[in-house]
Amino acid sequence: MRSSKAGKGKPRRKGHPRPRRLCWLLALVPLLLSLTLVGCGGGSEQSGGQKTTITVAGSTTVLPIAEIAAEKFQAKTGNQVLVSGLGSSAGIEAVISGTADIASSSRDLTPEEASHELVSTVIAHDGIAIIVNDSNPVQNVTLDQLRDIYAGKITNWDELGGPNMAIQLVNRDEASGTREAFRSIVMRGEDFDRSAAVLPGTGQVRDVVSRSAGAIGYISIGFVQSDYATTTVKTLTVDGAEATKDNVSSGAYPISRDLYFFTNGDPQGVAHDYIMYVLSDDMTQTIEDAGYIPISWDLTASSGEAAQGGDGQ
């Protein structure tokens, strides 16, 4: 596991004594340094060295899970979890650099990121829904059509059986794990059309599509229905399959991915306890309510397959 060592301080120069007016400031340096290190290191510590506050940074898709889990975990253990949604790439970089304890991500690691000894934990499964404005009469797209739309080869809804209306592409920024998953599953080597509007968050994509008749975007299925939005969006079926949890779980819906936590080495202390809490039964219903598929569904499916296999013997 790679680790960065702090550089040695420069030797003090001999010669003139320090001016008196600087003495009070120099006396504060150790305190200021300690406060800076707490902020950069991602957590405070008890006298025994155990962190009582940890930081989770990364995906806006995972943000609802991480935030709710943080509240419940603090109420149960007294340990604080500070959560931010900066994008998957930013969260992973924060863990690599040591400024966060856990990265939340809606994509797997890139080859460069995988060169660091990061440990991954799958916390849930998710589908990426294709959303359009409620007024759009188009119901279905194929994966090939979707690729051509985002490559700029299909530019009007009438090419898909809809009205004579220009397609307004809404894309995510390059730090987004959702964009990376969409690029991998849908684009398959094709470049994105550079004329697309590029937005930093899932909520912004949903809002723009809900207000623009010709718009198309992609978001986590957990954000299609939002208790906090005043507008609605419509999902398109992809190759005839609806973007539902059941279809993602069964593999019928073609645009799905895992949601991850990444840590620098095996998680330790409070970080380990928090991750285990997210995976516990206490969070299963919360993850389902957020529109995602809990890991426990995998165990249920495996048990069902084993039972069917046993009956057939």
C-alpha atoms as a PDB file:
ATOM      1  CA  MET A   1       0.000   0.000   0.000  1.00  0.00           C
ATOM      2  CA  ARG A   2       1.435   3.306  -0.989  1.00  0.00           C
ATOM      3  CA  SER A   3       1.906   5.940   1.638  1.00  0.00           C
ATOM      4  CA  SER A   4       3.129   9.520   1.439  1.00  0.00           C
ATOM      5  CA  LYS A   5       5.738  10.620   3.927  1.00  0.00           C
ATOM      6  CA  ALA A   6       5.782  14.167   5.216  1.00  0.00           C
ATOM      7  CA  GLY A   7       8.903  16.056   4.148  1.00  0.00           C
ATOM      8  CA  LYS A   8      11.412  17.086   6.778  1.00  0.00           C
ATOM      9  CA  GLY A   9      11.305  20.701   7.874  1.00  0.00           C
ATOM     10  CA  LYS A  10      14.086  23.053   6.784  1.00  0.00           C
ATOM     11  CA  PRO A  11      16.854  23.636   9.356  1.00  0.00           C
ATOM     12  CA  ARG A  12      16.592  26.901  11.213  1.00  0.00           C
ATOM     13  CA  ARG A  13      19.005  29.510   9.942  1.00  0.00           C
ATOM     14  CA  LYS A  14      21.485  30.864  12.446  1.00  0.00           C
ATOM     15  CA  GLY A  15      22.089  34.567  12.782  1.00  0.00           C
ATOM     16  CA  HIS A  16      19.694  37.331  13.682  1.00  0.00           C
ATOM     17  CA  PRO A  17      17.210  36.689  16.529  1.00  0.00           C
ATOM     18  CA  ARG A  18      13.490  36.676  15.710  1.00  0.00           C
ATOM     19  CA  PRO A  19      11.669  39.992  16.182  1.00  0.00           C
ATOM     20  CA  ARG A  20       9.518  40.065  19.346  1.00  0.00           C
ATOM     21  CA  ARG A  21       6.385  40.918  17.388  1.00  0.00           C
ATOM     22  CA  LEU A  22       6.485  37.463  15.756  1.00  0.00           C
ATOM     23  CA  CYS A  23       6.774  35.480  18.981  1.00  0.00           C
ATOM     24  CA  TRP A  24       3.034  35.310  19.622  1.00  0.00           C
ATOM     25  CA  LEU A  25       2.386  34.143  16.068  1.00  0.00           C
ATOM     26  CA  LEU A  26       5.083  31.492  16.189  1.00  0.00           C
ATOM     27  CA  ALA A  27       3.623  30.194  19.430  1.00  0.00           C
ATOM     28  CA  LEU A  28       0.366  29.504  17.579  1.00  0.00           C
ATOM     29  CA  VAL A  29       1.987  27.500  14.783  1.00  0.00           C
ATOM     30  CA  PRO A  30       1.720  24.071  16.506  1.00  0.00           C
ATOM     31  CA  LEU A  31      -1.962  24.687  17.213  1.00  0.00           C
ATOM     32  CA  LEU A  32      -2.651  25.819  13.647  1.00  0.00           C
ATOM     33  CA  LEU A  33      -0.803  22.814  12.254  1.00  0.00           C
ATOM     34  CA  SER A  34      -2.784  20.419  14.427  1.00  0.00           C
ATOM     35  CA  LEU A  35      -6.071  21.925  13.285  1.00  0.00           C
ATOM     36  CA  THR A  36      -4.977  21.728   9.651  1.00  0.00           C
ATOM     37  CA  LEU A  37      -4.012  18.084   9.991  1.00  0.00           C
ATOM     38  CA  VAL A  38      -7.365  17.207  11.533  1.00  0.00           C
ATOM     39  CA  GLY A  39      -9.145  18.857   8.597  1.00  0.00           C
ATOM     40  CA  CYS A  40      -6.941  17.186   5.994  1.00  0.00           C
ATOM     41  CA  GLY A  41      -6.780  13.770   7.606  1.00  0.00           C
ATOM     42  CA  GLY A  42     -10.534  13.339   7.538  1.00  0.00           C
ATOM     43  CA  GLY A  43     -11.257  12.723  11.213  1.00  0.00           C
ATOM     44  CA  SER A  44     -10.720  13.545  14.860  1.00  0.00           C
ATOM     45  CA  GLU A  45      -9.212  11.091  17.322  1.00  0.00           C
ATOM     46  CA  GLN A  46      -9.698   9.896  20.866  1.00  0.00           C
ATOM     47  CA  SER A  47      -6.713   9.727  23.191  1.00  0.00           C
ATOM     48  CA  GLY A  48      -6.121   6.137  22.121  1.00  0.00           C
ATOM     49  CA  GLY A  49      -5.728   7.091  18.463  1.00  0.00           C
ATOM     50  CA  GLN A  50      -9.183   5.857  17.400  1.00  0.00           C
ATOM     51  CA  LYS A  51     -10.963   8.211  15.009  1.00  0.00           C
ATOM     52  CA  THR A  52     -14.380   9.319  16.156  1.00  0.00           C
ATOM     53  CA  THR A  53     -15.092  11.416  13.050  1.00  0.00           C
ATOM     54  CA  ILE A  54     -14.563  10.138   9.504  1.00  0.00           C
ATOM     55  CA  THR A  55     -15.222  11.639   6.076  1.00  0.00           C
ATOM     56  CA  VAL A  56     -17.018  10.119   3.102  1.00  0.00           C
ATOM     57  CA  ALA A  57     -16.617  11.944  -0.220  1.00  0.00           C
ATOM     58  CA  GLY A  58     -17.680  11.182  -3.755  1.00  0.00           C
ATOM     59  CA  SER A  59     -20.704  10.191  -5.790  1.00  0.00           C
ATOM     60  CA  THR A  60     -23.895  12.256  -5.832  1.00  0.00           C
ATOM     61  CA  THR A  61     -25.712   9.019  -6.684  1.00  0.00           C
ATOM     62  CA  VAL A  62     -24.558   7.376  -3.456  1.00  0.00           C
ATOM     63  CA  LEU A  63     -25.091  10.571  -1.437  1.00  0.00           C
ATOM     64  CA  PRO A  64     -28.610   9.707  -0.128  1.00  0.00           C
ATOM     65  CA  ILE A  65     -27.448   6.319   1.159  1.00  0.00           C
ATOM     66  CA  ALA A  66     -24.293   7.744   2.733  1.00  0.00           C
ATOM     67  CA  GLU A  67     -26.101  10.645   4.423  1.00  0.00           C
ATOM     68  CA  ILE A  68     -28.930   8.600   5.917  1.00  0.00           C
ATOM     69  CA  ALA A  69     -26.482   5.948   7.076  1.00  0.00           C
ATOM     70  CA  ALA A  70     -24.321   8.671   8.670  1.00  0.00           C
ATOM     71  CA  GLU A  71     -27.264   9.986  10.693  1.00  0.00           C
ATOM     72  CA  LYS A  72     -28.319   6.527  11.880  1.00  0.00           C
ATOM     73  CA  PHE A  73     -24.732   5.464  12.583  1.00  0.00           C
ATOM     74  CA  GLN A  74     -24.062   8.560  14.689  1.00  0.00           C
ATOM     75  CA  ALA A  75     -27.271   8.029  16.665  1.00  0.00           C
ATOM     76  CA  LYS A  76     -26.279   4.422  17.326  1.00  0.00           C
ATOM     77  CA  THR A  77     -22.548   4.796  18.041  1.00  0.00           C
ATOM     78  CA  GLY A  78     -21.875   8.485  18.763  1.00  0.00           C
ATOM     79  CA  ASN A  79     -19.284   8.562  15.951  1.00  0.00           C
ATOM     80  CA  GLN A  80     -19.678  11.313  13.365  1.00  0.00           C
ATOM     81  CA  VAL A  81     -19.544  10.771   9.595  1.00  0.00           C
ATOM     82  CA  LEU A  82     -19.102  13.855   7.398  1.00  0.00           C
ATOM     83  CA  VAL A  83     -20.536  13.242   3.916  1.00  0.00           C
ATOM     84  CA  SER A  84     -20.084  15.261   0.724  1.00  0.00           C
ATOM     85  CA  GLY A  85     -21.062  14.710  -2.914  1.00  0.00           C
ATOM     86  CA  LEU A  86     -18.213  15.908  -5.121  1.00  0.00           C
ATOM     87  CA  GLY A  87     -18.384  13.233  -7.820  1.00  0.00           C
ATOM     88  CA  SER A  88     -16.915   9.745  -7.884  1.00  0.00           C
ATOM     89  CA  SER A  89     -13.534  10.792  -9.294  1.00  0.00           C
ATOM     90  CA  ALA A  90     -13.060  13.514  -6.697  1.00  0.00           C
ATOM     91  CA  GLY A  91     -13.937  11.113  -3.890  1.00  0.00           C
ATOM     92  CA  ILE A  92     -11.496   8.474  -5.072  1.00  0.00           C
ATOM     93  CA  GLU A  93      -8.739  11.078  -5.409  1.00  0.00           C
ATOM     94  CA  ALA A  94      -9.501  12.299  -1.878  1.00  0.00           C
ATOM     95  CA  VAL A  95      -8.999   8.801  -0.470  1.00  0.00           C
ATOM     96  CA  ILE A  96      -5.799   8.289  -2.459  1.00  0.00           C
ATOM     97  CA  SER A  97      -4.411  11.611  -1.176  1.00  0.00           C
ATOM     98  CA  GLY A  98      -5.539  10.907   2.386  1.00  0.00           C
ATOM     99  CA  THR A  99      -8.032  13.767   2.705  1.00  0.00           C
ATOM    100  CA  ALA A 100     -11.031  11.421   3.030  1.00  0.00           C
ATOM    101  CA  ASP A 101     -11.483   8.069   4.740  1.00  0.00           C
ATOM    102  CA  ILE A 102     -14.030   6.552   2.352  1.00  0.00           C
ATOM    103  CA  ALA A 103     -14.794   7.300  -1.308  1.00  0.00           C
ATOM    104  CA  SER A 104     -18.334   6.687  -2.490  1.00  0.00           C
ATOM    105  CA  SER A 105     -18.490   5.850  -6.183  1.00  0.00           C
ATOM    106  CA  SER A 106     -21.027   4.912  -8.832  1.00  0.00           C
ATOM    107  CA  ARG A 107     -18.315   3.358 -11.008  1.00  0.00           C
ATOM    108  CA  ASP A 108     -15.413   0.960 -10.709  1.00  0.00           C
ATOM    109  CA  LEU A 109     -11.788   2.110 -10.612  1.00  0.00           C
ATOM    110  CA  THR A 110      -9.883   3.265 -13.667  1.00  0.00           C
ATOM    111  CA  PRO A 111      -6.558   1.483 -14.406  1.00  0.00           C
ATOM    112  CA  GLU A 112      -4.637   4.412 -12.913  1.00  0.00           C
ATOM    113  CA  GLU A 113      -6.757   4.418  -9.747  1.00  0.00           C
ATOM    114  CA  ALA A 114      -6.417   0.644  -9.502  1.00  0.00           C
ATOM    115  CA  SER A 115      -2.626   1.052  -9.355  1.00  0.00           C
ATOM    116  CA  HIS A 116      -3.127   2.252  -5.768  1.00  0.00           C
ATOM    117  CA  GLU A 117      -3.983  -0.354  -3.165  1.00  0.00           C
ATOM    118  CA  LEU A 118      -7.610   0.668  -2.776  1.00  0.00           C
ATOM    119  CA  VAL A 119     -10.065  -1.841  -1.339  1.00  0.00           C
ATOM    120  CA  SER A 120     -13.563  -1.906  -2.831  1.00  0.00           C
ATOM    121  CA  THR A 121     -16.844  -2.788  -1.144  1.00  0.00           C
ATOM    122  CA  VAL A 122     -20.018  -3.091  -3.229  1.00  0.00           C
ATOM    123  CA  ILE A 123     -22.807  -1.515  -1.177  1.00  0.00           C
ATOM    124  CA  ALA A 124     -25.755  -1.681  -3.604  1.00  0.00           C
ATOM    125  CA  HIS A 125     -26.761  -2.147  -7.235  1.00  0.00           C
ATOM    126  CA  ASP A 126     -28.300   0.527  -9.447  1.00  0.00           C
ATOM    127  CA  GLY A 127     -29.768   1.107 -12.892  1.00  0.00           C
ATOM    128  CA  ILE A 128     -29.248   4.188 -15.040  1.00  0.00           C
ATOM    129  CA  ALA A 129     -32.614   5.471 -16.253  1.00  0.00           C
ATOM    130  CA  ILE A 130     -33.027   7.341 -19.531  1.00  0.00           C
ATOM    131  CA  ILE A 131     -35.270  10.326 -18.843  1.00  0.00           C
ATOM    132  CA  VAL A 132     -37.193  12.709 -21.087  1.00  0.00           C
ATOM    133  CA  ASN A 133     -39.750  15.429 -20.578  1.00  0.00           C
ATOM    134  CA  ASP A 134     -43.262  14.302 -19.592  1.00  0.00           C
ATOM    135  CA  SER A 135     -44.665  15.765 -22.828  1.00  0.00           C
ATOM    136  CA  ASN A 136     -42.438  13.608 -25.056  1.00  0.00           C
ATOM    137  CA  PRO A 137     -44.517  10.811 -26.683  1.00  0.00           C
ATOM    138  CA  VAL A 138     -41.515   8.552 -27.430  1.00  0.00           C
ATOM    139  CA  GLN A 139     -41.642   5.411 -25.283  1.00  0.00           C
ATOM    140  CA  ASN A 140     -38.623   3.254 -26.153  1.00  0.00           C
ATOM    141  CA  VAL A 141     -35.081   3.451 -27.472  1.00  0.00           C
ATOM    142  CA  THR A 142     -32.629   0.723 -28.300  1.00  0.00           C
ATOM    143  CA  LEU A 143     -29.070   0.746 -26.983  1.00  0.00           C
ATOM    144  CA  ASP A 144     -27.850   1.427 -30.522  1.00  0.00           C
ATOM    145  CA  GLN A 145     -30.220   4.391 -30.894  1.00  0.00           C
ATOM    146  CA  LEU A 146     -29.166   5.730 -27.508  1.00  0.00           C
ATOM    147  CA  ARG A 147     -25.518   5.535 -28.534  1.00  0.00           C
ATOM    148  CA  ASP A 148     -26.282   7.408 -31.765  1.00  0.00           C
ATOM    149  CA  ILE A 149     -28.235  10.061 -29.851  1.00  0.00           C
ATOM    150  CA  TYR A 150     -25.347  10.793 -27.505  1.00  0.00           C
ATOM    151  CA  ALA A 151     -22.818  10.619 -30.343  1.00  0.00           C
ATOM    152  CA  GLY A 152     -24.793  13.300 -32.210  1.00  0.00           C
ATOM    153  CA  LYS A 153     -25.865  11.023 -35.077  1.00  0.00           C
ATOM    154  CA  ILE A 154     -29.586  11.152 -34.210  1.00  0.00           C
ATOM    155  CA  THR A 155     -30.554  14.767 -33.644  1.00  0.00           C
ATOM    156  CA  ASN A 156     -34.356  14.936 -34.000  1.00  0.00           C
ATOM    157  CA  TRP A 157     -37.111  13.114 -32.157  1.00  0.00           C
ATOM    158  CA  ASP A 158     -38.902  12.395 -35.443  1.00  0.00           C
ATOM    159  CA  GLU A 159     -36.127   9.866 -36.190  1.00  0.00           C
ATOM    160  CA  LEU A 160     -37.448   7.890 -33.215  1.00  0.00           C
ATOM    161  CA  GLY A 161     -41.134   8.145 -34.080  1.00  0.00           C
ATOM    162  CA  GLY A 162     -41.671  11.344 -32.122  1.00  0.00           C
ATOM    163  CA  PRO A 163     -42.442  14.939 -33.124  1.00  0.00           C
ATOM    164  CA  ASN A 164     -40.288  17.116 -35.369  1.00  0.00           C
ATOM    165  CA  MET A 165     -38.291  18.525 -32.462  1.00  0.00           C
ATOM    166  CA  ALA A 166     -34.559  18.866 -31.929  1.00  0.00           C
ATOM    167  CA  ILE A 167     -33.038  16.552 -29.335  1.00  0.00           C
ATOM    168  CA  GLN A 168     -31.414  18.519 -26.522  1.00  0.00           C
ATOM    169  CA  LEU A 169     -28.627  16.416 -25.059  1.00  0.00           C
ATOM    170  CA  VAL A 170     -27.954  16.639 -21.342  1.00  0.00           C
ATOM    171  CA  ASN A 171     -24.748  14.984 -20.176  1.00  0.00           C
ATOM    172  CA  ARG A 172     -22.780  14.711 -16.925  1.00  0.00           C
ATOM    173  CA  ASP A 173     -19.344  16.150 -16.246  1.00  0.00           C
ATOM    174  CA  GLU A 174     -16.196  14.026 -16.495  1.00  0.00           C
ATOM    175  CA  ALA A 175     -15.907  13.606 -12.718  1.00  0.00           C
ATOM    176  CA  SER A 176     -19.218  11.739 -12.671  1.00  0.00           C
ATOM    177  CA  GLY A 177     -19.272   8.003 -12.074  1.00  0.00           C
ATOM    178  CA  THR A 178     -22.673   7.854 -13.760  1.00  0.00           C
ATOM    179  CA  ARG A 179     -21.170   9.338 -16.929  1.00  0.00           C
ATOM    180  CA  GLU A 180     -18.328   6.802 -16.848  1.00  0.00           C
ATOM    181  CA  ALA A 181     -20.766   3.902 -16.393  1.00  0.00           C
ATOM    182  CA  PHE A 182     -22.972   5.238 -19.223  1.00  0.00           C
ATOM    183  CA  ARG A 183     -19.913   5.674 -21.456  1.00  0.00           C
ATOM    184  CA  SER A 184     -18.782   2.115 -20.791  1.00  0.00           C
ATOM    185  CA  ILE A 185     -22.172   0.417 -21.180  1.00  0.00           C
ATOM    186  CA  VAL A 186     -23.795   2.545 -23.881  1.00  0.00           C
ATOM    187  CA  MET A 187     -21.153   4.427 -25.873  1.00  0.00           C
ATOM    188  CA  ARG A 188     -18.741   1.505 -26.359  1.00  0.00           C
ATOM    189  CA  GLY A 189     -15.917   3.588 -27.779  1.00  0.00           C
ATOM    190  CA  GLU A 190     -18.042   6.276 -29.452  1.00  0.00           C
ATOM    191  CA  ASP A 191     -17.288   9.849 -28.413  1.00  0.00           C
ATOM    192  CA  PHE A 192     -19.919  11.999 -26.745  1.00  0.00           C
ATOM    193  CA  ASP A 193     -21.353  14.844 -28.810  1.00  0.00           C
ATOM    194  CA  ARG A 194     -19.573  17.959 -27.544  1.00  0.00           C
ATOM    195  CA  SER A 195     -22.645  20.122 -28.108  1.00  0.00           C
ATOM    196  CA  ALA A 196     -24.409  18.489 -25.126  1.00  0.00           C
ATOM    197  CA  ALA A 197     -25.138  20.508 -22.004  1.00  0.00           C
ATOM    198  CA  VAL A 198     -22.795  19.232 -19.275  1.00  0.00           C
ATOM    199  CA  LEU A 199     -24.073  19.366 -15.699  1.00  0.00           C
ATOM    200  CA  PRO A 200     -22.310  18.515 -12.420  1.00  0.00           C
ATOM    201  CA  GLY A 201     -25.050  16.667 -10.542  1.00  0.00           C
ATOM    202  CA  THR A 202     -27.929  14.217 -10.855  1.00  0.00           C
ATOM    203  CA  GLY A 203     -30.443  16.729  -9.531  1.00  0.00           C
ATOM    204  CA  GLN A 204     -29.475  19.314 -12.135  1.00  0.00           C
ATOM    205  CA  VAL A 205     -29.914  16.797 -14.969  1.00  0.00           C
ATOM    206  CA  ARG A 206     -33.354  15.845 -13.715  1.00  0.00           C
ATOM    207  CA  ASP A 207     -34.418  19.469 -13.329  1.00  0.00           C
ATOM    208  CA  VAL A 208     -33.287  20.543 -16.805  1.00  0.00           C
ATOM    209  CA  VAL A 209     -34.980  17.579 -18.490  1.00  0.00           C
ATOM    210  CA  SER A 210     -38.200  18.193 -16.555  1.00  0.00           C
ATOM    211  CA  ARG A 211     -38.357  21.749 -17.912  1.00  0.00           C
ATOM    212  CA  SER A 212     -37.184  21.229 -21.522  1.00  0.00           C
ATOM    213  CA  ALA A 213     -39.549  19.552 -24.019  1.00  0.00           C
ATOM    214  CA  GLY A 214     -36.803  18.194 -26.284  1.00  0.00           C
ATOM    215  CA  ALA A 215     -34.307  17.167 -23.610  1.00  0.00           C
ATOM    216  CA  ILE A 216     -32.914  13.731 -22.830  1.00  0.00           C
ATOM    217  CA  GLY A 217     -30.694  12.765 -19.915  1.00  0.00           C
ATOM    218  CA  TYR A 218     -29.635   9.830 -17.773  1.00  0.00           C
ATOM    219  CA  ILE A 219     -29.773   9.479 -14.000  1.00  0.00           C
ATOM    220  CA  SER A 220     -29.855   6.795 -11.333  1.00  0.00           C
ATOM    221  CA  ILE A 221     -33.231   5.080 -11.086  1.00  0.00           C
ATOM    222  CA  GLY A 222     -33.257   6.146  -7.437  1.00  0.00           C
ATOM    223  CA  PHE A 223     -33.647   9.781  -8.514  1.00  0.00           C
ATOM    224  CA  VAL A 224     -36.466   9.373 -11.051  1.00  0.00           C
ATOM    225  CA  GLN A 225     -39.079   9.846  -8.327  1.00  0.00           C
ATOM    226  CA  SER A 226     -38.005  12.624  -5.988  1.00  0.00           C
ATOM    227  CA  ASP A 227     -39.770  13.826  -2.845  1.00  0.00           C
ATOM    228  CA  TYR A 228     -37.838  17.090  -3.077  1.00  0.00           C
ATOM    229  CA  ALA A 229     -38.611  18.058  -6.703  1.00  0.00           C
ATOM    230  CA  THR A 230     -41.646  20.027  -7.842  1.00  0.00           C
ATOM    231  CA  THR A 231     -41.463  18.631 -11.393  1.00  0.00           C
ATOM    232  CA  THR A 232     -41.542  15.138 -12.862  1.00  0.00           C
ATOM    233  CA  VAL A 233     -39.757  13.267 -15.642  1.00  0.00           C
ATOM    234  CA  LYS A 234     -40.606  10.268 -17.784  1.00  0.00           C
ATOM    235  CA  THR A 235     -38.385   7.213 -18.288  1.00  0.00           C
ATOM    236  CA  LEU A 236     -37.883   5.486 -21.628  1.00  0.00           C
ATOM    237  CA  THR A 237     -37.737   1.727 -21.861  1.00  0.00           C
ATOM    238  CA  VAL A 238     -34.433   0.480 -23.285  1.00  0.00           C
ATOM    239  CA  ASP A 239     -34.682  -2.468 -25.668  1.00  0.00           C
ATOM    240  CA  GLY A 240     -38.209  -2.858 -24.310  1.00  0.00           C
ATOM    241  CA  ALA A 241     -37.190  -3.156 -20.641  1.00  0.00           C
ATOM    242  CA  GLU A 242     -38.341  -0.693 -17.980  1.00  0.00           C
ATOM    243  CA  ALA A 243     -35.862   0.892 -15.592  1.00  0.00           C
ATOM    244  CA  THR A 244     -37.066  -0.849 -12.439  1.00  0.00           C
ATOM    245  CA  LYS A 245     -35.273  -2.453  -9.508  1.00  0.00           C
ATOM    246  CA  ASP A 246     -36.654  -5.883 -10.416  1.00  0.00           C
ATOM    247  CA  ASN A 247     -35.425  -5.594 -14.008  1.00  0.00           C
ATOM    248  CA  VAL A 248     -32.002  -4.430 -12.861  1.00  0.00           C
ATOM    249  CA  SER A 249     -31.773  -7.280 -10.376  1.00  0.00           C
ATOM    250  CA  SER A 250     -32.797  -9.875 -12.966  1.00  0.00           C
ATOM    251  CA  GLY A 251     -30.548  -8.460 -15.677  1.00  0.00           C
ATOM    252  CA  ALA A 252     -33.466  -7.614 -17.990  1.00  0.00           C
ATOM    253  CA  TYR A 253     -32.621  -3.899 -17.944  1.00  0.00           C
ATOM    254  CA  PRO A 254     -29.357  -3.387 -19.865  1.00  0.00           C
ATOM    255  CA  ILE A 255     -27.919  -0.265 -18.187  1.00  0.00           C
ATOM    256  CA  SER A 256     -26.934  -1.196 -14.645  1.00  0.00           C
ATOM    257  CA  ARG A 257     -23.910  -0.858 -12.385  1.00  0.00           C
ATOM    258  CA  ASP A 258     -22.642  -1.418  -8.858  1.00  0.00           C
ATOM    259  CA  LEU A 259     -22.280   1.287  -6.213  1.00  0.00           C
ATOM    260  CA  TYR A 260     -19.053   1.220  -4.204  1.00  0.00           C
ATOM    261  CA  PHE A 261     -17.149   2.363  -1.174  1.00  0.00           C
ATOM    262  CA  PHE A 262     -13.356   2.547  -1.616  1.00  0.00           C
ATOM    263  CA  THR A 263     -10.809   2.742   1.185  1.00  0.00           C
ATOM    264  CA  ASN A 264      -7.031   3.065   1.212  1.00  0.00           C
ATOM    265  CA  GLY A 265      -6.290  -0.500   2.285  1.00  0.00           C
ATOM    266  CA  ASP A 266      -8.644  -2.573   4.409  1.00  0.00           C
ATOM    267  CA  PRO A 267     -11.064  -0.318   6.311  1.00  0.00           C
ATOM    268  CA  GLN A 268     -10.172   0.117   9.952  1.00  0.00           C
ATOM    269  CA  GLY A 269     -11.853   1.429  13.097  1.00  0.00           C
ATOM    270  CA  VAL A 270     -14.854   3.684  12.630  1.00  0.00           C
ATOM    271  CA  ALA A 271     -14.571   3.519   8.834  1.00  0.00           C
ATOM    272  CA  HIS A 272     -14.919  -0.263   9.002  1.00  0.00           C
ATOM    273  CA  ASP A 273     -17.847  -0.027  11.412  1.00  0.00           C
ATOM    274  CA  TYR A 274     -19.638   2.514   9.212  1.00  0.00           C
ATOM    275  CA  ILE A 275     -19.251   0.374   6.080  1.00  0.00           C
ATOM    276  CA  MET A 276     -20.534  -2.674   7.928  1.00  0.00           C
ATOM    277  CA  TYR A 277     -23.491  -0.614   9.125  1.00  0.00           C
ATOM    278  CA  VAL A 278     -24.361   0.354   5.536  1.00  0.00           C
ATOM    279  CA  LEU A 279     -24.333  -3.351   4.659  1.00  0.00           C
ATOM    280  CA  SER A 280     -26.420  -4.330   7.683  1.00  0.00           C
ATOM    281  CA  ASP A 281     -30.118  -5.117   7.876  1.00  0.00           C
ATOM    282  CA  ASP A 282     -30.644  -1.700   9.485  1.00  0.00           C
ATOM    283  CA  MET A 283     -30.003  -0.079   6.077  1.00  0.00           C
ATOM    284  CA  THR A 284     -31.739  -2.562   3.766  1.00  0.00           C
ATOM    285  CA  GLN A 285     -35.100  -0.789   3.745  1.00  0.00           C
ATOM    286  CA  THR A 286     -33.438   2.624   3.419  1.00  0.00           C
ATOM    287  CA  ILE A 287     -31.509   1.467   0.350  1.00  0.00           C
ATOM    288  CA  GLU A 288     -34.693   0.047  -1.176  1.00  0.00           C
ATOM    289  CA  ASP A 289     -36.631   3.241  -0.421  1.00  0.00           C
ATOM    290  CA  ALA A 290     -33.881   5.242  -2.154  1.00  0.00           C
ATOM    291  CA  GLY A 291     -34.523   3.235  -5.308  1.00  0.00           C
ATOM    292  CA  TYR A 292     -31.471   0.980  -5.185  1.00  0.00           C
ATOM    293  CA  ILE A 293     -31.000  -2.754  -4.813  1.00  0.00           C
ATOM    294  CA  PRO A 294     -29.509  -3.926  -1.484  1.00  0.00           C
ATOM    295  CA  ILE A 295     -26.746  -6.503  -1.409  1.00  0.00           C
ATOM    296  CA  SER A 296     -29.095  -8.701   0.620  1.00  0.00           C
ATOM    297  CA  TRP A 297     -31.083  -9.293  -2.587  1.00  0.00           C
ATOM    298  CA  ASP A 298     -28.038 -11.153  -3.931  1.00  0.00           C
ATOM    299  CA  LEU A 299     -28.184 -13.548  -0.976  1.00  0.00           C
ATOM    300  CA  THR A 300     -31.915 -14.059  -1.465  1.00  0.00           C
ATOM    301  CA  ALA A 301     -31.458 -14.757  -5.167  1.00  0.00           C
ATOM    302  CA  SER A 302     -28.601 -17.184  -4.450  1.00  0.00           C
ATOM    303  CA  SER A 303     -30.726 -19.029  -1.891  1.00  0.00           C
ATOM    304  CA  GLY A 304     -33.568 -19.293  -4.388  1.00  0.00           C
ATOM    305  CA  GLU A 305     -31.305 -20.645  -7.107  1.00  0.00           C
ATOM    306  CA  ALA A 306     -29.837 -23.187  -4.673  1.00  0.00           C
ATOM    307  CA  ALA A 307     -33.310 -24.303  -3.648  1.00  0.00           C
ATOM    308  CA  GLN A 308     -34.353 -24.733  -7.284  1.00  0.00           C
ATOM    309  CA  GLY A 309     -31.208 -26.701  -7.950  1.00  0.00           C
ATOM    310  CA  GLY A 310     -31.946 -28.928  -4.964  1.00  0.00           C
ATOM    311  CA  ASP A 311     -35.464 -29.645  -6.208  1.00  0.00           C
ATOM    312  CA  GLY A 312     -34.153 -30.678  -9.569  1.00  0.00           C
ATOM    313  CA  GLN A 313     -31.789 -33.306  -8.223  1.00  0.00           C
END
